[in-house]
Structures are given as structure tokens and as C-alpha cells.
Amino acid sequence: MKLKGVLASDLDGTIAVKGVIGAGEFRAAEKLRLAGIPLLVVTGRNSLSLQWVDGLRELADEILFSSGAGLQVASEALPRELHWLSAGEVQRIAGILNDFGEDYCILHRIPRSGNFSWVRRRPENADLDSRLKLYARWAKPLPPGGVARAFPEGAVHILVIRPSFPAPDSDLISALSEWSVFTGTSPLDHSSAWLEIFPAGVNKGGALSEWCARRGLSAGSVMALGNDYNDVPMLEWAAYPRVVGNAPDSLKKLPGAAVLPPAGEGGFASAVEEAVALFGTGRERARCQGKAAPFRESAAWL
């Protein structure tokens, strides 16, 4: 059956609230399935943290994670790597961040992207402390041998954690202009700034565009739903941009964007109703045979 359209949605703060998907969201996703519309989740989460969201693979058909650097298909145990930073790029970016005195984490390549090495320059950074505690099993300080020794095959992306949310130094942004860089709000304390650095061209909009192109879909067949700054590229690309009510005011003012109820209060369900009206085929979409394959925790992840 040829697809008529797709609903592409961010996860945290859009479908899930504090990492939990509510019963209303599962009911809404079932309406999508019955209407023949796939749900593509597009998230900044890494491959490890996907495992911590109960029911995610029953909800979504496919998941573009790490802002499009990787793809998780619900019926497959292990994720696919789509993009990464070369070893040379990682060394150059780390050098720039060291010069600017930033705190940052370097995430290993997929499927081990839950593992990371970290560098601390600031005396206090509560959000970094929270991340290191949460990921204690997978986090290591950068070894004495430095980036070249720790990341000979490159990395999936680099996360800069700033203890407040001022605009990043323009000189820093300029120094990183060779790569895809965007800001977001920490999902841990909901106030600290995250500056994420990906390979050139990798962002949620580019990932969504590539996914659709492989399936013969244009932007006119896409509704995108988001809540934060890293969602802007996909909201700008899709013909039907939608934001939940808890999104920053600047997102609510994007051209063509409609504002829906907040996450957990009917925002996702409202997007589903509209997507069904726009793209519904009235024919149930086939899901993978049997239950979705569980996320596999094995040596490949560690």
C-alpha cells in the first residue's frame, strides 16, 4: 500500500512527559495505525536512552534518533548507523571546545552511542553532574591519551552542556560552522542549555527529508510535531508544522505552525486527528509480525 502521508513527532516534551508515554498517546497511535499512517518518532535521544521509554517501540513504526544520525526500526533489535563524525573531526571539535572552556561529552558511534567520554572545565555544572550520575555505567572521563586514543573510529556526536541558557558565544558558533550545530533545553533540569554538534547536514529536518525521499514522500505529505529548538529544522521542512502548547513562544511563531494543547494534555492526540483527516487511507497499516523486537542489551551496546 502506497503511503499518503506520515506523522513525524519529537518524543520528549511532545509525546512523552518526563520520559513517560501516557495511555492517551497509545490510544491516539492506534488511530494512526487503523488509518494506515506511520508514526515516525524523531528524537535527540541516543540509542541507549531509547530503551528507557516503556512502550516506545509499540507506539512508533520507526525512530530516527540522535537527531537523525541513527535509525531504529521497531521490528529490529539493533539500530542502524546513518551518519557519524570522523576521528579527525572529533579531534578538531574537541580542540575548539577546550579553547573555549566548555564542558562536553563525546558519544561513541552507533550502536554504542550510549557510551561517552566527558571533559569538565567549569567548577560547577549541575546538569552535567546529573548526566554523569544517570549514565554512571557508561560514562568515563576522557583518558590521558586524549581524543585520538579514545575515539579512533570517530563519534556519533558531541554534546556541550552549559549551566544556564544564554545565547552561545558567537565566536564559538562561528568556529563550529563546518558542522551541524543547534541548541536545545536539557531534558534533565529543563533549564540548562545543550549545544549539540553533529556531522554537517545532520539535523531533524534533514533526517526527515531523507526518510521521506526513500519512501517517495514529499514535504507536502508530512505533518511534523515538536516542542523545542532542535525541532525547528523538521518543523520548517514539513508542509504541516505543529507545536505543542508547552513549546517556546518562538516556535509558536514559525510560519504555518499551528499550536496544539500541551504534551500530556491532548497535543499528540490533536495532531493524530488532523493527520488522519489529511492522510488517512481507511486501511489498517500492517505492523511487524508479532511483538516488536525488544531492545537488545548486549556487548554491542556497551
C-alpha atoms as a PDB file:
ATOM      1  CA  MET A   1       0.000   0.000   0.000  1.00  0.00           C
ATOM      2  CA  LYS A   2       1.444   3.352  -1.031  1.00  0.00           C
ATOM      3  CA  LEU A   3       1.715   5.817   1.822  1.00  0.00           C
ATOM      4  CA  LYS A   4      -0.300   9.022   1.598  1.00  0.00           C
ATOM      5  CA  GLY A   5       1.471  10.717   4.466  1.00  0.00           C
ATOM      6  CA  VAL A   6       3.336  10.398   7.749  1.00  0.00           C
ATOM      7  CA  LEU A   7       3.192  11.948  11.209  1.00  0.00           C
ATOM      8  CA  ALA A   8       6.731  12.767  12.385  1.00  0.00           C
ATOM      9  CA  SER A   9       6.934  13.684  16.049  1.00  0.00           C
ATOM     10  CA  ASP A  10       9.516  14.597  18.617  1.00  0.00           C
ATOM     11  CA  LEU A  11       9.454  12.433  21.748  1.00  0.00           C
ATOM     12  CA  ASP A  12      10.354  14.207  24.995  1.00  0.00           C
ATOM     13  CA  GLY A  13       8.003  17.029  25.897  1.00  0.00           C
ATOM     14  CA  THR A  14       5.865  16.239  22.849  1.00  0.00           C
ATOM     15  CA  ILE A  15       4.659  12.635  23.145  1.00  0.00           C
ATOM     16  CA  ALA A  16       6.321  11.657  26.426  1.00  0.00           C
ATOM     17  CA  VAL A  17       6.201  13.723  29.608  1.00  0.00           C
ATOM     18  CA  LYS A  18       9.213  13.213  31.870  1.00  0.00           C
ATOM     19  CA  GLY A  19      10.057  10.122  29.853  1.00  0.00           C
ATOM     20  CA  VAL A  20       6.627   8.501  30.215  1.00  0.00           C
ATOM     21  CA  ILE A  21       4.153   7.880  27.382  1.00  0.00           C
ATOM     22  CA  GLY A  22       0.577   8.156  28.611  1.00  0.00           C
ATOM     23  CA  ALA A  23      -2.389   5.927  27.840  1.00  0.00           C
ATOM     24  CA  GLY A  24      -3.952   8.668  25.703  1.00  0.00           C
ATOM     25  CA  GLU A  25      -0.925   8.697  23.425  1.00  0.00           C
ATOM     26  CA  PHE A  26      -1.162   4.941  22.893  1.00  0.00           C
ATOM     27  CA  ARG A  27      -4.831   5.241  22.004  1.00  0.00           C
ATOM     28  CA  ALA A  28      -4.035   8.014  19.542  1.00  0.00           C
ATOM     29  CA  ALA A  29      -1.252   5.956  17.928  1.00  0.00           C
ATOM     30  CA  GLU A  30      -3.723   3.118  17.402  1.00  0.00           C
ATOM     31  CA  LYS A  31      -5.925   5.519  15.408  1.00  0.00           C
ATOM     32  CA  LEU A  32      -2.936   6.246  13.179  1.00  0.00           C
ATOM     33  CA  ARG A  33      -2.367   2.546  12.588  1.00  0.00           C
ATOM     34  CA  LEU A  34      -6.008   1.953  11.685  1.00  0.00           C
ATOM     35  CA  ALA A  35      -5.863   4.875   9.257  1.00  0.00           C
ATOM     36  CA  GLY A  36      -2.746   3.499   7.536  1.00  0.00           C
ATOM     37  CA  ILE A  37      -0.451   6.324   8.662  1.00  0.00           C
ATOM     38  CA  PRO A  38       3.043   5.546  10.037  1.00  0.00           C
ATOM     39  CA  LEU A  39       4.316   7.253  13.166  1.00  0.00           C
ATOM     40  CA  LEU A  40       7.956   8.290  12.829  1.00  0.00           C
ATOM     41  CA  VAL A  41       9.497   9.452  16.100  1.00  0.00           C
ATOM     42  CA  VAL A  42      12.365  11.905  15.565  1.00  0.00           C
ATOM     43  CA  THR A  43      14.341  12.398  18.760  1.00  0.00           C
ATOM     44  CA  GLY A  44      17.634  13.692  20.060  1.00  0.00           C
ATOM     45  CA  ARG A  45      17.902  10.704  22.412  1.00  0.00           C
ATOM     46  CA  ASN A  46      20.760   8.287  21.854  1.00  0.00           C
ATOM     47  CA  SER A  47      20.366   4.573  21.195  1.00  0.00           C
ATOM     48  CA  LEU A  48      20.747   3.632  24.861  1.00  0.00           C
ATOM     49  CA  SER A  49      18.200   6.053  26.291  1.00  0.00           C
ATOM     50  CA  LEU A  50      15.573   4.826  23.819  1.00  0.00           C
ATOM     51  CA  GLN A  51      15.445   1.666  25.932  1.00  0.00           C
ATOM     52  CA  TRP A  52      14.245   3.611  28.943  1.00  0.00           C
ATOM     53  CA  VAL A  53      10.955   4.738  27.424  1.00  0.00           C
ATOM     54  CA  ASP A  54       8.403   2.000  28.079  1.00  0.00           C
ATOM     55  CA  GLY A  55       6.273   1.106  25.090  1.00  0.00           C
ATOM     56  CA  LEU A  56       8.118   3.291  22.605  1.00  0.00           C
ATOM     57  CA  ARG A  57       8.532   0.515  20.065  1.00  0.00           C
ATOM     58  CA  GLU A  58       4.893  -0.476  20.332  1.00  0.00           C
ATOM     59  CA  LEU A  59       3.973   3.167  19.686  1.00  0.00           C
ATOM     60  CA  ALA A  60       6.314   4.054  16.813  1.00  0.00           C
ATOM     61  CA  ASP A  61       6.945   2.322  13.495  1.00  0.00           C
ATOM     62  CA  GLU A  62      10.455   3.739  13.191  1.00  0.00           C
ATOM     63  CA  ILE A  63      12.637   6.040  15.278  1.00  0.00           C
ATOM     64  CA  LEU A  64      15.199   8.485  13.962  1.00  0.00           C
ATOM     65  CA  PHE A  65      17.427   9.043  16.995  1.00  0.00           C
ATOM     66  CA  SER A  66      20.438  11.238  17.772  1.00  0.00           C
ATOM     67  CA  SER A  67      18.653  13.829  15.612  1.00  0.00           C
ATOM     68  CA  GLY A  68      18.925  11.586  12.549  1.00  0.00           C
ATOM     69  CA  ALA A  69      22.361  10.025  12.987  1.00  0.00           C
ATOM     70  CA  GLY A  70      20.713   6.641  13.564  1.00  0.00           C
ATOM     71  CA  LEU A  71      17.558   4.718  12.699  1.00  0.00           C
ATOM     72  CA  GLN A  72      15.742   2.181  14.866  1.00  0.00           C
ATOM     73  CA  VAL A  73      13.113   0.047  13.123  1.00  0.00           C
ATOM     74  CA  ALA A  74      10.581  -1.379  15.566  1.00  0.00           C
ATOM     75  CA  SER A  75      10.992  -4.931  14.267  1.00  0.00           C
ATOM     76  CA  GLU A  76      14.804  -4.912  14.547  1.00  0.00           C
ATOM     77  CA  ALA A  77      16.814  -5.472  17.728  1.00  0.00           C
ATOM     78  CA  LEU A  78      19.811  -3.302  16.878  1.00  0.00           C
ATOM     79  CA  PRO A  79      19.872   0.223  15.442  1.00  0.00           C
ATOM     80  CA  ARG A  80      21.326   1.283  12.120  1.00  0.00           C
ATOM     81  CA  GLU A  81      24.072   3.899  11.851  1.00  0.00           C
ATOM     82  CA  LEU A  82      23.384   6.603   9.258  1.00  0.00           C
ATOM     83  CA  HIS A  83      25.939   9.364   9.965  1.00  0.00           C
ATOM     84  CA  TRP A  84      28.980   9.956  12.191  1.00  0.00           C
ATOM     85  CA  LEU A  85      31.892  12.318  12.855  1.00  0.00           C
ATOM     86  CA  SER A  86      35.289  11.094  11.677  1.00  0.00           C
ATOM     87  CA  ALA A  87      38.159  10.710  14.128  1.00  0.00           C
ATOM     88  CA  GLY A  88      39.793  13.823  12.692  1.00  0.00           C
ATOM     89  CA  GLU A  89      36.608  15.851  13.101  1.00  0.00           C
ATOM     90  CA  VAL A  90      36.246  14.754  16.715  1.00  0.00           C
ATOM     91  CA  GLN A  91      39.782  15.877  17.479  1.00  0.00           C
ATOM     92  CA  ARG A  92      39.254  19.262  15.850  1.00  0.00           C
ATOM     93  CA  ILE A  93      35.934  19.883  17.609  1.00  0.00           C
ATOM     94  CA  ALA A  94      37.382  18.870  20.974  1.00  0.00           C
ATOM     95  CA  GLY A  95      40.243  21.305  20.436  1.00  0.00           C
ATOM     96  CA  ILE A  96      37.792  24.152  19.763  1.00  0.00           C
ATOM     97  CA  LEU A  97      35.709  23.329  22.846  1.00  0.00           C
ATOM     98  CA  ASN A  98      38.834  23.127  25.002  1.00  0.00           C
ATOM     99  CA  ASP A  99      39.905  26.568  23.788  1.00  0.00           C
ATOM    100  CA  PHE A 100      36.504  27.981  24.763  1.00  0.00           C
ATOM    101  CA  GLY A 101      36.490  26.289  28.167  1.00  0.00           C
ATOM    102  CA  GLU A 102      33.349  24.232  27.565  1.00  0.00           C
ATOM    103  CA  ASP A 103      32.098  21.117  29.368  1.00  0.00           C
ATOM    104  CA  TYR A 104      31.272  18.396  26.875  1.00  0.00           C
ATOM    105  CA  CYS A 105      30.558  14.715  26.246  1.00  0.00           C
ATOM    106  CA  ILE A 106      31.713  12.723  23.195  1.00  0.00           C
ATOM    107  CA  LEU A 107      29.362   9.869  22.307  1.00  0.00           C
ATOM    108  CA  HIS A 108      30.693   6.710  20.706  1.00  0.00           C
ATOM    109  CA  ARG A 109      29.460   5.540  17.334  1.00  0.00           C
ATOM    110  CA  ILE A 110      26.221   3.600  16.929  1.00  0.00           C
ATOM    111  CA  PRO A 111      25.306   1.070  18.283  1.00  0.00           C
ATOM    112  CA  ARG A 112      27.474   2.006  21.301  1.00  0.00           C
ATOM    113  CA  SER A 113      26.326   5.629  21.380  1.00  0.00           C
ATOM    114  CA  GLY A 114      25.110   5.318  24.967  1.00  0.00           C
ATOM    115  CA  ASN A 115      28.783   5.224  25.959  1.00  0.00           C
ATOM    116  CA  PHE A 116      30.600   8.534  26.212  1.00  0.00           C
ATOM    117  CA  SER A 117      33.722  10.256  27.484  1.00  0.00           C
ATOM    118  CA  TRP A 118      33.422  13.607  29.182  1.00  0.00           C
ATOM    119  CA  VAL A 119      35.536  16.701  29.752  1.00  0.00           C
ATOM    120  CA  ARG A 120      34.872  19.230  32.522  1.00  0.00           C
ATOM    121  CA  ARG A 121      36.207  22.801  32.536  1.00  0.00           C
ATOM    122  CA  ARG A 122      33.714  24.646  34.756  1.00  0.00           C
ATOM    123  CA  PRO A 123      33.897  24.272  38.565  1.00  0.00           C
ATOM    124  CA  GLU A 124      30.107  23.848  38.773  1.00  0.00           C
ATOM    125  CA  ASN A 125      27.697  22.296  36.300  1.00  0.00           C
ATOM    126  CA  ALA A 126      24.719  20.616  37.976  1.00  0.00           C
ATOM    127  CA  ASP A 127      23.232  19.332  34.727  1.00  0.00           C
ATOM    128  CA  LEU A 128      26.493  17.621  33.783  1.00  0.00           C
ATOM    129  CA  ASP A 129      26.605  16.114  37.276  1.00  0.00           C
ATOM    130  CA  SER A 130      23.085  14.750  36.767  1.00  0.00           C
ATOM    131  CA  ARG A 131      24.024  13.247  33.414  1.00  0.00           C
ATOM    132  CA  LEU A 132      27.137  11.588  34.830  1.00  0.00           C
ATOM    133  CA  LYS A 133      25.087  10.110  37.685  1.00  0.00           C
ATOM    134  CA  LEU A 134      22.347   8.878  35.355  1.00  0.00           C
ATOM    135  CA  TYR A 135      24.836   7.309  32.933  1.00  0.00           C
ATOM    136  CA  ALA A 136      27.437   6.270  35.517  1.00  0.00           C
ATOM    137  CA  ARG A 137      27.767   2.815  33.972  1.00  0.00           C
ATOM    138  CA  TRP A 138      28.526   4.237  30.529  1.00  0.00           C
ATOM    139  CA  ALA A 139      30.373   7.495  31.315  1.00  0.00           C
ATOM    140  CA  LYS A 140      34.137   7.797  31.564  1.00  0.00           C
ATOM    141  CA  PRO A 141      36.412  10.833  31.798  1.00  0.00           C
ATOM    142  CA  LEU A 142      38.496  11.386  28.694  1.00  0.00           C
ATOM    143  CA  PRO A 143      41.637   9.257  29.191  1.00  0.00           C
ATOM    144  CA  PRO A 144      45.136  10.734  29.381  1.00  0.00           C
ATOM    145  CA  GLY A 145      45.751   9.709  25.789  1.00  0.00           C
ATOM    146  CA  GLY A 146      43.048  12.133  24.717  1.00  0.00           C
ATOM    147  CA  VAL A 147      40.560  12.027  21.864  1.00  0.00           C
ATOM    148  CA  ALA A 148      42.789  10.217  19.378  1.00  0.00           C
ATOM    149  CA  ARG A 149      43.176   7.267  21.727  1.00  0.00           C
ATOM    150  CA  ALA A 150      39.556   7.133  22.904  1.00  0.00           C
ATOM    151  CA  PHE A 151      37.842   7.666  19.526  1.00  0.00           C
ATOM    152  CA  PRO A 152      39.962   6.124  16.747  1.00  0.00           C
ATOM    153  CA  GLU A 153      36.794   5.388  14.724  1.00  0.00           C
ATOM    154  CA  GLY A 154      35.095   8.715  15.334  1.00  0.00           C
ATOM    155  CA  ALA A 155      31.909   9.508  17.254  1.00  0.00           C
ATOM    156  CA  VAL A 156      28.203   9.945  16.624  1.00  0.00           C
ATOM    157  CA  HIS A 157      28.033  13.458  18.065  1.00  0.00           C
ATOM    158  CA  ILE A 158      29.345  15.805  20.742  1.00  0.00           C
ATOM    159  CA  LEU A 159      27.178  17.367  23.441  1.00  0.00           C
ATOM    160  CA  VAL A 160      28.147  20.644  25.113  1.00  0.00           C
ATOM    161  CA  ILE A 161      26.410  21.240  28.460  1.00  0.00           C
ATOM    162  CA  ARG A 162      26.104  24.822  29.675  1.00  0.00           C
ATOM    163  CA  PRO A 163      24.801  25.502  33.199  1.00  0.00           C
ATOM    164  CA  SER A 164      22.412  28.245  32.073  1.00  0.00           C
ATOM    165  CA  PHE A 165      20.719  29.255  28.846  1.00  0.00           C
ATOM    166  CA  PRO A 166      22.498  32.339  27.474  1.00  0.00           C
ATOM    167  CA  ALA A 167      22.979  32.526  23.736  1.00  0.00           C
ATOM    168  CA  PRO A 168      26.188  30.628  22.868  1.00  0.00           C
ATOM    169  CA  ASP A 169      29.203  32.802  22.155  1.00  0.00           C
ATOM    170  CA  SER A 170      29.010  33.860  18.501  1.00  0.00           C
ATOM    171  CA  ASP A 171      32.733  33.167  18.140  1.00  0.00           C
ATOM    172  CA  LEU A 172      32.149  29.580  19.290  1.00  0.00           C
ATOM    173  CA  ILE A 173      29.303  29.102  16.826  1.00  0.00           C
ATOM    174  CA  SER A 174      31.463  30.528  14.069  1.00  0.00           C
ATOM    175  CA  ALA A 175      34.336  28.187  14.951  1.00  0.00           C
ATOM    176  CA  LEU A 176      31.943  25.229  14.665  1.00  0.00           C
ATOM    177  CA  SER A 177      30.311  26.364  11.417  1.00  0.00           C
ATOM    178  CA  GLU A 178      31.696  23.382   9.484  1.00  0.00           C
ATOM    179  CA  TRP A 179      29.288  21.088  11.339  1.00  0.00           C
ATOM    180  CA  SER A 180      25.592  20.901  12.127  1.00  0.00           C
ATOM    181  CA  VAL A 181      25.129  22.712  15.441  1.00  0.00           C
ATOM    182  CA  PHE A 182      21.947  23.562  17.283  1.00  0.00           C
ATOM    183  CA  THR A 183      20.796  24.395  20.787  1.00  0.00           C
ATOM    184  CA  GLY A 184      18.176  22.766  22.970  1.00  0.00           C
ATOM    185  CA  THR A 185      16.996  22.673  26.555  1.00  0.00           C
ATOM    186  CA  SER A 186      18.262  19.922  28.841  1.00  0.00           C
ATOM    187  CA  PRO A 187      15.639  17.186  29.362  1.00  0.00           C
ATOM    188  CA  LEU A 188      17.142  16.630  32.811  1.00  0.00           C
ATOM    189  CA  ASP A 189      16.706  20.006  34.536  1.00  0.00           C
ATOM    190  CA  HIS A 190      14.658  21.711  31.767  1.00  0.00           C
ATOM    191  CA  SER A 191      16.723  24.895  32.061  1.00  0.00           C
ATOM    192  CA  SER A 192      20.367  24.229  31.168  1.00  0.00           C
ATOM    193  CA  ALA A 193      21.453  24.731  27.568  1.00  0.00           C
ATOM    194  CA  TRP A 194      22.640  21.883  25.396  1.00  0.00           C
ATOM    195  CA  LEU A 195      24.706  22.647  22.330  1.00  0.00           C
ATOM    196  CA  GLU A 196      24.775  19.584  20.077  1.00  0.00           C
ATOM    197  CA  ILE A 197      27.335  19.060  17.314  1.00  0.00           C
ATOM    198  CA  PHE A 198      26.628  16.577  14.519  1.00  0.00           C
ATOM    199  CA  PRO A 199      28.151  15.837  11.118  1.00  0.00           C
ATOM    200  CA  ALA A 200      27.452  18.517   8.525  1.00  0.00           C
ATOM    201  CA  GLY A 201      23.840  18.404   7.369  1.00  0.00           C
ATOM    202  CA  VAL A 202      22.592  16.149  10.171  1.00  0.00           C
ATOM    203  CA  ASN A 203      19.531  17.544  11.915  1.00  0.00           C
ATOM    204  CA  LYS A 204      15.929  16.515  12.394  1.00  0.00           C
ATOM    205  CA  GLY A 205      14.821  18.221   9.188  1.00  0.00           C
ATOM    206  CA  GLY A 206      17.489  16.617   7.034  1.00  0.00           C
ATOM    207  CA  ALA A 207      16.839  13.215   8.585  1.00  0.00           C
ATOM    208  CA  LEU A 208      13.096  13.513   7.994  1.00  0.00           C
ATOM    209  CA  SER A 209      13.673  14.610   4.393  1.00  0.00           C
ATOM    210  CA  GLU A 210      15.961  11.603   3.730  1.00  0.00           C
ATOM    211  CA  TRP A 211      13.495   9.189   5.338  1.00  0.00           C
ATOM    212  CA  CYS A 212      10.641  10.524   3.218  1.00  0.00           C
ATOM    213  CA  ALA A 213      12.672  10.516  -0.006  1.00  0.00           C
ATOM    214  CA  ARG A 214      13.367   6.792   0.408  1.00  0.00           C
ATOM    215  CA  ARG A 215       9.608   6.230   0.557  1.00  0.00           C
ATOM    216  CA  GLY A 216       8.571   8.547  -2.235  1.00  0.00           C
ATOM    217  CA  LEU A 217       7.023  11.151   0.071  1.00  0.00           C
ATOM    218  CA  SER A 218       7.369  14.917  -0.343  1.00  0.00           C
ATOM    219  CA  ALA A 219       7.143  17.604   2.337  1.00  0.00           C
ATOM    220  CA  GLY A 220       3.508  18.037   1.328  1.00  0.00           C
ATOM    221  CA  SER A 221       2.777  14.591   2.781  1.00  0.00           C
ATOM    222  CA  VAL A 222       4.288  15.290   6.201  1.00  0.00           C
ATOM    223  CA  MET A 223       2.944  16.647   9.465  1.00  0.00           C
ATOM    224  CA  ALA A 224       5.708  17.414  11.978  1.00  0.00           C
ATOM    225  CA  LEU A 225       5.087  17.885  15.696  1.00  0.00           C
ATOM    226  CA  GLY A 226       7.636  19.323  18.119  1.00  0.00           C
ATOM    227  CA  ASN A 227       8.302  21.336  21.248  1.00  0.00           C
ATOM    228  CA  ASP A 228      11.911  22.560  21.314  1.00  0.00           C
ATOM    229  CA  TYR A 229      14.598  24.369  19.341  1.00  0.00           C
ATOM    230  CA  ASN A 230      16.145  21.240  17.846  1.00  0.00           C
ATOM    231  CA  ASP A 231      12.758  20.505  16.247  1.00  0.00           C
ATOM    232  CA  VAL A 232      12.874  23.684  14.139  1.00  0.00           C
ATOM    233  CA  PRO A 233      14.536  22.090  11.049  1.00  0.00           C
ATOM    234  CA  MET A 234      11.797  19.459  10.705  1.00  0.00           C
ATOM    235  CA  LEU A 235       9.031  21.943  11.505  1.00  0.00           C
ATOM    236  CA  GLU A 236      10.343  24.235   8.777  1.00  0.00           C
ATOM    237  CA  TRP A 237      10.644  21.388   6.249  1.00  0.00           C
ATOM    238  CA  ALA A 238       7.236  19.768   6.719  1.00  0.00           C
ATOM    239  CA  ALA A 239       4.167  21.197   4.993  1.00  0.00           C
ATOM    240  CA  TYR A 240       2.148  20.905   8.205  1.00  0.00           C
ATOM    241  CA  PRO A 241       4.207  22.117  11.194  1.00  0.00           C
ATOM    242  CA  ARG A 242       2.551  21.716  14.580  1.00  0.00           C
ATOM    243  CA  VAL A 243       3.837  22.581  18.059  1.00  0.00           C
ATOM    244  CA  VAL A 244       2.508  21.610  21.460  1.00  0.00           C
ATOM    245  CA  GLY A 245       1.410  24.319  23.867  1.00  0.00           C
ATOM    246  CA  ASN A 246       4.438  23.906  26.119  1.00  0.00           C
ATOM    247  CA  ALA A 247       6.808  24.933  23.296  1.00  0.00           C
ATOM    248  CA  PRO A 248       8.774  28.215  23.489  1.00  0.00           C
ATOM    249  CA  ASP A 249       6.982  31.233  22.044  1.00  0.00           C
ATOM    250  CA  SER A 250       9.464  31.491  19.172  1.00  0.00           C
ATOM    251  CA  LEU A 251       8.414  28.052  17.890  1.00  0.00           C
ATOM    252  CA  LYS A 252       4.759  29.026  18.046  1.00  0.00           C
ATOM    253  CA  LYS A 253       5.547  31.884  15.659  1.00  0.00           C
ATOM    254  CA  LEU A 254       7.143  29.718  12.952  1.00  0.00           C
ATOM    255  CA  PRO A 255       5.499  30.243   9.536  1.00  0.00           C
ATOM    256  CA  GLY A 256       2.485  27.989   9.123  1.00  0.00           C
ATOM    257  CA  ALA A 257       2.757  26.486  12.604  1.00  0.00           C
ATOM    258  CA  ALA A 258      -0.429  25.654  14.481  1.00  0.00           C
ATOM    259  CA  VAL A 259      -0.358  25.437  18.267  1.00  0.00           C
ATOM    260  CA  LEU A 260      -1.925  22.343  19.836  1.00  0.00           C
ATOM    261  CA  PRO A 261      -2.579  21.522  23.503  1.00  0.00           C
ATOM    262  CA  PRO A 262       0.447  20.807  25.695  1.00  0.00           C
ATOM    263  CA  ALA A 263       2.158  17.426  25.877  1.00  0.00           C
ATOM    264  CA  GLY A 264       0.184  15.047  28.061  1.00  0.00           C
ATOM    265  CA  GLU A 265      -2.936  17.172  27.674  1.00  0.00           C
ATOM    266  CA  GLY A 266      -4.034  16.157  24.201  1.00  0.00           C
ATOM    267  CA  GLY A 267      -1.362  17.693  21.980  1.00  0.00           C
ATOM    268  CA  PHE A 268      -0.308  14.448  20.310  1.00  0.00           C
ATOM    269  CA  ALA A 269      -3.911  13.250  20.037  1.00  0.00           C
ATOM    270  CA  SER A 270      -4.866  16.505  18.292  1.00  0.00           C
ATOM    271  CA  ALA A 271      -2.063  16.037  15.770  1.00  0.00           C
ATOM    272  CA  VAL A 272      -3.236  12.473  15.146  1.00  0.00           C
ATOM    273  CA  GLU A 273      -6.809  13.585  14.456  1.00  0.00           C
ATOM    274  CA  GLU A 274      -5.588  16.130  11.923  1.00  0.00           C
ATOM    275  CA  ALA A 275      -3.162  13.689  10.293  1.00  0.00           C
ATOM    276  CA  VAL A 276      -5.935  11.106   9.907  1.00  0.00           C
ATOM    277  CA  ALA A 277      -8.119  13.717   8.213  1.00  0.00           C
ATOM    278  CA  LEU A 278      -5.279  14.688   5.863  1.00  0.00           C
ATOM    279  CA  PHE A 279      -3.625  11.365   5.074  1.00  0.00           C
ATOM    280  CA  GLY A 280      -5.909   8.577   6.277  1.00  0.00           C
ATOM    281  CA  THR A 281      -6.466   5.704   3.860  1.00  0.00           C
ATOM    282  CA  GLY A 282      -9.103   3.880   5.872  1.00  0.00           C
ATOM    283  CA  ARG A 283      -6.940   0.771   5.524  1.00  0.00           C
ATOM    284  CA  GLU A 284      -5.150  -0.654   8.528  1.00  0.00           C
ATOM    285  CA  ARG A 285      -1.387  -0.384   8.237  1.00  0.00           C
ATOM    286  CA  ALA A 286       0.490  -3.647   8.651  1.00  0.00           C
ATOM    287  CA  ARG A 287       2.847  -3.697  11.601  1.00  0.00           C
ATOM    288  CA  CYS A 288       5.758  -6.066  12.102  1.00  0.00           C
ATOM    289  CA  GLN A 289       4.783  -9.691  12.618  1.00  0.00           C
ATOM    290  CA  GLY A 290       4.222 -10.459  16.291  1.00  0.00           C
ATOM    291  CA  LYS A 291       5.582  -8.192  19.007  1.00  0.00           C
ATOM    292  CA  ALA A 292       8.220  -5.606  18.276  1.00  0.00           C
ATOM    293  CA  ALA A 293      11.689  -6.981  18.852  1.00  0.00           C
ATOM    294  CA  PRO A 294      12.958  -5.870  22.276  1.00  0.00           C
ATOM    295  CA  PHE A 295      15.864  -3.505  22.573  1.00  0.00           C
ATOM    296  CA  ARG A 296      18.863  -5.771  22.984  1.00  0.00           C
ATOM    297  CA  GLU A 297      21.284  -5.001  25.767  1.00  0.00           C
ATOM    298  CA  SER A 298      24.455  -6.848  24.898  1.00  0.00           C
ATOM    299  CA  ALA A 299      28.139  -6.238  24.450  1.00  0.00           C
ATOM    300  CA  ALA A 300      27.278  -4.324  21.279  1.00  0.00           C
ATOM    301  CA  TRP A 301      25.712  -1.570  23.374  1.00  0.00           C
ATOM    302  CA  LEU A 302      28.466  -1.283  25.965  1.00  0.00           C
END
